[in-house]
Amino acid sequence: MFSVYGELYMALLAGIRVRKSFSMGISKTDFELQKAVEIGVKVSVDSLDELHSLSRIADSLDKTVEIAFRVNPDVSPKTHPKISTGLRSSKFGIPSEEVVSAYRRASELPGISPAGIHCHIGSQIL
């Protein structure tokens, strides 16, 4: 899993087969999205805005990118609130009740191939 282009770049230098990896960072820049599309890395989409940016970039490069949707399940991992990322109040992911419509939208967009979902509810969970 690569969260920023620097990590992806280092993996490429190390000879890692990154095509089987996902770019999963939050707040990915257009540059990072473009590099993921150019290299062929799957992208975990954190929001509808990111989905539309990724579609625009992939379409401009005449490429198709596989995506997964980061789902916000509104689940408490019972850990410190600052590292709980699956709560409704978290800024991360697409709310679970909106994922089906996001999938429908993604399947209509150029350059996008929906391929999965992922969820991260927090850190340091016992």
N, C-alpha and C. Protein backbone atom coordinates (compact mmCIF):
# COMPACT_ATOMS: atom_id res chain seq x y z
N MET A 1 0.84 -1.17 0.00
CA MET A 1 0.00 0.00 0.00
C MET A 1 0.89 1.23 0.00
N PHE A 2 0.55 2.20 -0.83
CA PHE A 2 1.33 3.41 -0.93
C PHE A 2 0.43 4.60 -0.66
N SER A 3 0.86 5.47 0.23
CA SER A 3 0.01 6.59 0.60
C SER A 3 0.43 7.90 -0.05
N VAL A 4 1.64 7.99 -0.49
CA VAL A 4 2.08 9.20 -1.18
C VAL A 4 3.00 8.81 -2.31
N TYR A 5 3.18 9.71 -3.25
CA TYR A 5 4.01 9.38 -4.41
C TYR A 5 5.44 9.04 -4.02
N GLY A 6 5.97 9.66 -2.98
CA GLY A 6 7.34 9.36 -2.54
C GLY A 6 7.50 7.88 -2.19
N GLU A 7 6.51 7.31 -1.52
CA GLU A 7 6.57 5.89 -1.19
C GLU A 7 6.47 5.04 -2.45
N LEU A 8 5.61 5.43 -3.36
CA LEU A 8 5.47 4.71 -4.63
C LEU A 8 6.77 4.77 -5.42
N TYR A 9 7.36 5.93 -5.48
CA TYR A 9 8.62 6.12 -6.20
C TYR A 9 9.72 5.24 -5.61
N MET A 10 9.83 5.21 -4.29
CA MET A 10 10.85 4.38 -3.64
C MET A 10 10.60 2.90 -3.91
N ALA A 11 9.35 2.49 -3.92
CA ALA A 11 9.01 1.10 -4.22
C ALA A 11 9.43 0.75 -5.64
N LEU A 12 9.21 1.67 -6.58
CA LEU A 12 9.63 1.44 -7.96
C LEU A 12 11.15 1.30 -8.05
N LEU A 13 11.88 2.17 -7.34
CA LEU A 13 13.34 2.09 -7.33
C LEU A 13 13.83 0.77 -6.74
N ALA A 14 13.08 0.25 -5.78
CA ALA A 14 13.46 -1.01 -5.13
C ALA A 14 13.07 -2.23 -5.96
N GLY A 15 12.37 -2.00 -7.06
CA GLY A 15 11.99 -3.11 -7.92
C GLY A 15 10.72 -3.84 -7.51
N ILE A 16 9.93 -3.24 -6.64
CA ILE A 16 8.68 -3.85 -6.18
C ILE A 16 7.64 -3.76 -7.30
N ARG A 17 6.91 -4.84 -7.49
CA ARG A 17 5.83 -4.86 -8.51
C ARG A 17 4.63 -4.10 -7.95
N VAL A 18 4.55 -2.83 -8.26
CA VAL A 18 3.54 -1.97 -7.66
C VAL A 18 2.16 -2.10 -8.30
N ARG A 19 2.05 -2.73 -9.44
CA ARG A 19 0.74 -2.86 -10.09
C ARG A 19 -0.26 -3.65 -9.25
N LYS A 20 0.23 -4.42 -8.30
CA LYS A 20 -0.66 -5.17 -7.43
C LYS A 20 -0.94 -4.42 -6.13
N SER A 21 -0.56 -3.16 -6.07
CA SER A 21 -0.70 -2.36 -4.87
C SER A 21 -1.81 -1.33 -5.02
N PHE A 22 -2.19 -0.75 -3.90
CA PHE A 22 -3.18 0.31 -3.87
C PHE A 22 -2.53 1.59 -3.35
N SER A 23 -2.92 2.71 -3.93
CA SER A 23 -2.57 4.01 -3.38
C SER A 23 -3.71 4.38 -2.45
N MET A 24 -3.42 4.49 -1.14
CA MET A 24 -4.49 4.63 -0.17
C MET A 24 -4.45 5.89 0.67
N GLY A 25 -3.56 6.78 0.40
CA GLY A 25 -3.46 7.97 1.23
C GLY A 25 -4.68 8.86 1.13
N ILE A 26 -4.84 9.70 2.11
CA ILE A 26 -5.92 10.68 2.08
C ILE A 26 -5.41 11.95 1.42
N SER A 27 -6.31 12.74 0.93
CA SER A 27 -5.99 14.03 0.32
C SER A 27 -4.90 13.90 -0.74
N LYS A 28 -5.06 12.94 -1.64
CA LYS A 28 -4.08 12.75 -2.71
C LYS A 28 -4.14 13.94 -3.66
N THR A 29 -2.99 14.42 -4.06
CA THR A 29 -2.93 15.53 -5.00
C THR A 29 -3.20 15.03 -6.41
N ASP A 30 -3.50 15.95 -7.33
CA ASP A 30 -3.67 15.56 -8.73
C ASP A 30 -2.38 14.94 -9.28
N PHE A 31 -1.23 15.44 -8.85
CA PHE A 31 0.05 14.87 -9.28
C PHE A 31 0.14 13.41 -8.86
N GLU A 32 -0.21 13.10 -7.59
CA GLU A 32 -0.15 11.73 -7.10
C GLU A 32 -1.14 10.83 -7.83
N LEU A 33 -2.34 11.35 -8.09
CA LEU A 33 -3.33 10.58 -8.85
C LEU A 33 -2.83 10.31 -10.26
N GLN A 34 -2.26 11.32 -10.88
CA GLN A 34 -1.75 11.15 -12.24
C GLN A 34 -0.65 10.09 -12.27
N LYS A 35 0.27 10.13 -11.33
CA LYS A 35 1.34 9.13 -11.29
C LYS A 35 0.78 7.73 -11.06
N ALA A 36 -0.20 7.60 -10.21
CA ALA A 36 -0.83 6.29 -9.97
C ALA A 36 -1.46 5.76 -11.26
N VAL A 37 -2.13 6.63 -12.02
CA VAL A 37 -2.75 6.22 -13.28
C VAL A 37 -1.67 5.85 -14.29
N GLU A 38 -0.64 6.67 -14.41
CA GLU A 38 0.43 6.40 -15.38
C GLU A 38 1.13 5.07 -15.10
N ILE A 39 1.34 4.77 -13.83
CA ILE A 39 2.07 3.57 -13.44
C ILE A 39 1.16 2.33 -13.45
N GLY A 40 -0.14 2.56 -13.27
CA GLY A 40 -1.08 1.45 -13.27
C GLY A 40 -1.42 0.94 -11.89
N VAL A 41 -1.24 1.78 -10.87
CA VAL A 41 -1.56 1.42 -9.50
C VAL A 41 -3.06 1.62 -9.27
N LYS A 42 -3.67 0.70 -8.56
CA LYS A 42 -5.07 0.86 -8.18
C LYS A 42 -5.16 1.98 -7.15
N VAL A 43 -6.30 2.67 -7.12
CA VAL A 43 -6.45 3.81 -6.21
C VAL A 43 -7.66 3.60 -5.32
N SER A 44 -7.47 3.81 -4.03
CA SER A 44 -8.57 3.78 -3.08
C SER A 44 -9.14 5.20 -3.00
N VAL A 45 -10.38 5.35 -3.43
CA VAL A 45 -11.03 6.66 -3.52
C VAL A 45 -11.67 7.01 -2.19
N ASP A 46 -11.32 8.19 -1.68
CA ASP A 46 -11.75 8.63 -0.36
C ASP A 46 -12.99 9.52 -0.39
N SER A 47 -13.33 10.04 -1.57
CA SER A 47 -14.47 10.96 -1.67
C SER A 47 -14.95 11.03 -3.12
N LEU A 48 -16.13 11.59 -3.30
CA LEU A 48 -16.65 11.77 -4.66
C LEU A 48 -15.83 12.81 -5.42
N ASP A 49 -15.33 13.82 -4.74
CA ASP A 49 -14.46 14.81 -5.39
C ASP A 49 -13.22 14.13 -5.95
N GLU A 50 -12.61 13.25 -5.15
CA GLU A 50 -11.43 12.53 -5.61
C GLU A 50 -11.78 11.61 -6.79
N LEU A 51 -12.94 10.98 -6.74
CA LEU A 51 -13.39 10.13 -7.83
C LEU A 51 -13.47 10.92 -9.14
N HIS A 52 -14.06 12.09 -9.09
CA HIS A 52 -14.19 12.92 -10.30
C HIS A 52 -12.83 13.42 -10.79
N SER A 53 -11.95 13.79 -9.87
CA SER A 53 -10.60 14.21 -10.27
C SER A 53 -9.86 13.06 -10.94
N LEU A 54 -9.96 11.89 -10.37
CA LEU A 54 -9.29 10.72 -10.92
C LEU A 54 -9.84 10.37 -12.30
N SER A 55 -11.13 10.47 -12.49
CA SER A 55 -11.74 10.22 -13.80
C SER A 55 -11.22 11.21 -14.83
N ARG A 56 -11.18 12.47 -14.46
CA ARG A 56 -10.69 13.50 -15.38
C ARG A 56 -9.25 13.22 -15.79
N ILE A 57 -8.42 12.86 -14.82
CA ILE A 57 -7.01 12.58 -15.08
C ILE A 57 -6.85 11.34 -15.95
N ALA A 58 -7.53 10.26 -15.59
CA ALA A 58 -7.42 9.01 -16.36
C ALA A 58 -7.91 9.22 -17.79
N ASP A 59 -9.02 9.93 -17.93
CA ASP A 59 -9.57 10.18 -19.27
C ASP A 59 -8.61 11.01 -20.11
N SER A 60 -7.97 12.00 -19.49
CA SER A 60 -7.02 12.85 -20.23
C SER A 60 -5.79 12.06 -20.68
N LEU A 61 -5.47 10.98 -19.97
CA LEU A 61 -4.34 10.13 -20.31
C LEU A 61 -4.76 8.94 -21.17
N ASP A 62 -6.06 8.88 -21.48
CA ASP A 62 -6.62 7.77 -22.26
C ASP A 62 -6.32 6.43 -21.59
N LYS A 63 -6.51 6.39 -20.27
CA LYS A 63 -6.25 5.18 -19.49
C LYS A 63 -7.46 4.89 -18.61
N THR A 64 -7.50 3.68 -18.10
CA THR A 64 -8.52 3.28 -17.13
C THR A 64 -7.82 2.85 -15.85
N VAL A 65 -8.33 3.31 -14.73
CA VAL A 65 -7.74 2.99 -13.43
C VAL A 65 -8.75 2.20 -12.61
N GLU A 66 -8.27 1.11 -11.99
CA GLU A 66 -9.10 0.36 -11.07
C GLU A 66 -9.15 1.10 -9.74
N ILE A 67 -10.34 1.12 -9.15
CA ILE A 67 -10.50 1.81 -7.87
C ILE A 67 -11.18 0.91 -6.84
N ALA A 68 -10.95 1.25 -5.60
CA ALA A 68 -11.73 0.73 -4.48
C ALA A 68 -12.31 1.96 -3.78
N PHE A 69 -13.40 1.78 -3.12
CA PHE A 69 -14.01 2.86 -2.36
C PHE A 69 -13.63 2.70 -0.89
N ARG A 70 -13.12 3.77 -0.30
CA ARG A 70 -12.89 3.74 1.15
C ARG A 70 -14.23 4.05 1.81
N VAL A 71 -14.73 3.07 2.55
CA VAL A 71 -16.04 3.19 3.18
C VAL A 71 -15.88 3.66 4.62
N ASN A 72 -16.68 4.63 5.00
CA ASN A 72 -16.77 5.05 6.39
C ASN A 72 -17.99 4.34 6.98
N PRO A 73 -17.77 3.32 7.84
CA PRO A 73 -18.89 2.51 8.31
C PRO A 73 -19.63 3.06 9.53
N ASP A 74 -19.16 4.17 10.09
CA ASP A 74 -19.71 4.71 11.33
C ASP A 74 -19.65 3.66 12.44
N VAL A 75 -18.43 3.15 12.66
CA VAL A 75 -18.17 2.14 13.68
C VAL A 75 -17.11 2.69 14.64
N SER A 76 -17.35 2.53 15.92
CA SER A 76 -16.37 2.97 16.90
C SER A 76 -15.43 1.84 17.27
N PRO A 77 -14.13 2.05 17.10
CA PRO A 77 -13.17 1.02 17.50
C PRO A 77 -12.83 1.09 18.99
N LYS A 78 -13.49 1.99 19.71
CA LYS A 78 -13.26 2.16 21.15
C LYS A 78 -11.78 2.43 21.45
N THR A 79 -11.25 3.40 20.73
CA THR A 79 -9.89 3.84 20.96
C THR A 79 -9.93 5.37 21.08
N HIS A 80 -8.81 6.00 21.19
CA HIS A 80 -8.77 7.45 21.35
C HIS A 80 -9.47 8.13 20.17
N PRO A 81 -10.31 9.12 20.43
CA PRO A 81 -11.07 9.79 19.35
C PRO A 81 -10.19 10.37 18.23
N LYS A 82 -8.97 10.76 18.54
CA LYS A 82 -8.09 11.35 17.53
C LYS A 82 -7.60 10.32 16.51
N ILE A 83 -7.67 9.03 16.84
CA ILE A 83 -7.21 8.00 15.91
C ILE A 83 -8.34 7.03 15.52
N SER A 84 -9.57 7.46 15.75
CA SER A 84 -10.75 6.70 15.32
C SER A 84 -11.18 7.26 13.96
N THR A 85 -10.97 6.50 12.91
CA THR A 85 -11.22 7.02 11.57
C THR A 85 -12.47 6.43 10.92
N GLY A 86 -13.21 5.59 11.65
CA GLY A 86 -14.41 5.00 11.07
C GLY A 86 -15.71 5.55 11.65
N LEU A 87 -15.62 6.64 12.40
CA LEU A 87 -16.81 7.26 12.97
C LEU A 87 -17.47 8.20 11.97
N ARG A 88 -18.75 8.39 12.08
CA ARG A 88 -19.48 9.30 11.19
C ARG A 88 -18.83 10.68 11.18
N SER A 89 -18.32 11.11 12.31
CA SER A 89 -17.71 12.44 12.41
C SER A 89 -16.33 12.51 11.76
N SER A 90 -15.78 11.36 11.37
CA SER A 90 -14.47 11.33 10.72
C SER A 90 -14.55 11.90 9.31
N LYS A 91 -13.48 12.55 8.89
CA LYS A 91 -13.44 13.12 7.55
C LYS A 91 -13.04 12.10 6.49
N PHE A 92 -12.80 10.85 6.90
CA PHE A 92 -12.26 9.85 6.00
C PHE A 92 -13.34 8.95 5.42
N GLY A 93 -13.28 8.74 4.13
CA GLY A 93 -14.14 7.76 3.49
C GLY A 93 -15.52 8.26 3.10
N ILE A 94 -16.17 7.42 2.31
CA ILE A 94 -17.52 7.70 1.83
C ILE A 94 -18.49 7.02 2.80
N PRO A 95 -19.48 7.74 3.31
CA PRO A 95 -20.43 7.12 4.24
C PRO A 95 -21.04 5.85 3.64
N SER A 96 -21.18 4.82 4.47
CA SER A 96 -21.62 3.51 3.99
C SER A 96 -22.94 3.58 3.23
N GLU A 97 -23.83 4.44 3.63
CA GLU A 97 -25.13 4.53 2.94
C GLU A 97 -25.03 5.22 1.57
N GLU A 98 -23.87 5.79 1.25
CA GLU A 98 -23.69 6.46 -0.04
C GLU A 98 -22.82 5.66 -1.01
N VAL A 99 -22.28 4.53 -0.57
CA VAL A 99 -21.34 3.78 -1.39
C VAL A 99 -21.99 3.19 -2.64
N VAL A 100 -23.20 2.70 -2.53
CA VAL A 100 -23.87 2.11 -3.70
C VAL A 100 -24.07 3.17 -4.78
N SER A 101 -24.50 4.35 -4.40
CA SER A 101 -24.68 5.41 -5.41
C SER A 101 -23.33 5.88 -5.94
N ALA A 102 -22.29 5.88 -5.10
CA ALA A 102 -20.94 6.23 -5.57
C ALA A 102 -20.46 5.20 -6.59
N TYR A 103 -20.74 3.93 -6.34
CA TYR A 103 -20.38 2.87 -7.29
C TYR A 103 -21.09 3.08 -8.62
N ARG A 104 -22.37 3.37 -8.55
CA ARG A 104 -23.13 3.62 -9.79
C ARG A 104 -22.52 4.79 -10.56
N ARG A 105 -22.21 5.85 -9.85
CA ARG A 105 -21.62 7.02 -10.49
C ARG A 105 -20.27 6.66 -11.11
N ALA A 106 -19.45 5.93 -10.38
CA ALA A 106 -18.12 5.55 -10.86
C ALA A 106 -18.21 4.71 -12.13
N SER A 107 -19.19 3.83 -12.18
CA SER A 107 -19.32 2.96 -13.36
C SER A 107 -19.73 3.72 -14.60
N GLU A 108 -20.20 4.95 -14.43
CA GLU A 108 -20.58 5.80 -15.57
C GLU A 108 -19.45 6.73 -16.01
N LEU A 109 -18.43 6.88 -15.19
CA LEU A 109 -17.37 7.84 -15.47
C LEU A 109 -16.30 7.26 -16.40
N PRO A 110 -15.77 8.09 -17.30
CA PRO A 110 -14.68 7.61 -18.16
C PRO A 110 -13.41 7.38 -17.35
N GLY A 111 -12.68 6.34 -17.72
CA GLY A 111 -11.39 6.08 -17.11
C GLY A 111 -11.44 5.40 -15.76
N ILE A 112 -12.62 4.99 -15.31
CA ILE A 112 -12.78 4.40 -13.98
C ILE A 112 -13.32 2.98 -14.09
N SER A 113 -12.71 2.07 -13.34
CA SER A 113 -13.18 0.69 -13.26
C SER A 113 -13.30 0.29 -11.79
N PRO A 114 -14.52 0.32 -11.22
CA PRO A 114 -14.69 -0.07 -9.83
C PRO A 114 -14.26 -1.52 -9.61
N ALA A 115 -13.48 -1.77 -8.55
CA ALA A 115 -12.94 -3.11 -8.34
C ALA A 115 -13.02 -3.58 -6.89
N GLY A 116 -13.45 -2.71 -5.96
CA GLY A 116 -13.49 -3.18 -4.58
C GLY A 116 -13.83 -2.09 -3.59
N ILE A 117 -13.76 -2.46 -2.32
CA ILE A 117 -13.99 -1.52 -1.22
C ILE A 117 -12.89 -1.75 -0.18
N HIS A 118 -12.70 -0.76 0.66
CA HIS A 118 -11.80 -0.95 1.80
C HIS A 118 -12.29 -0.07 2.93
N CYS A 119 -11.87 -0.42 4.13
CA CYS A 119 -12.33 0.28 5.32
C CYS A 119 -11.20 0.30 6.33
N HIS A 120 -11.02 1.42 6.99
CA HIS A 120 -10.02 1.56 8.05
C HIS A 120 -10.71 2.30 9.18
N ILE A 121 -10.87 1.65 10.32
CA ILE A 121 -11.66 2.27 11.38
C ILE A 121 -10.83 2.93 12.47
N GLY A 122 -9.50 2.77 12.43
CA GLY A 122 -8.68 3.43 13.43
C GLY A 122 -7.36 2.73 13.66
N SER A 123 -6.61 3.28 14.59
CA SER A 123 -5.28 2.76 14.91
C SER A 123 -5.23 2.36 16.37
N GLN A 124 -4.25 1.55 16.69
CA GLN A 124 -4.01 1.10 18.07
C GLN A 124 -5.25 0.49 18.70
N ILE A 125 -5.90 -0.39 17.92
CA ILE A 125 -7.11 -1.05 18.39
C ILE A 125 -6.73 -2.34 19.12
N LEU A 126 -7.22 -2.49 20.32
CA LEU A 126 -6.93 -3.69 21.09
C LEU A 126 -7.99 -4.74 20.82
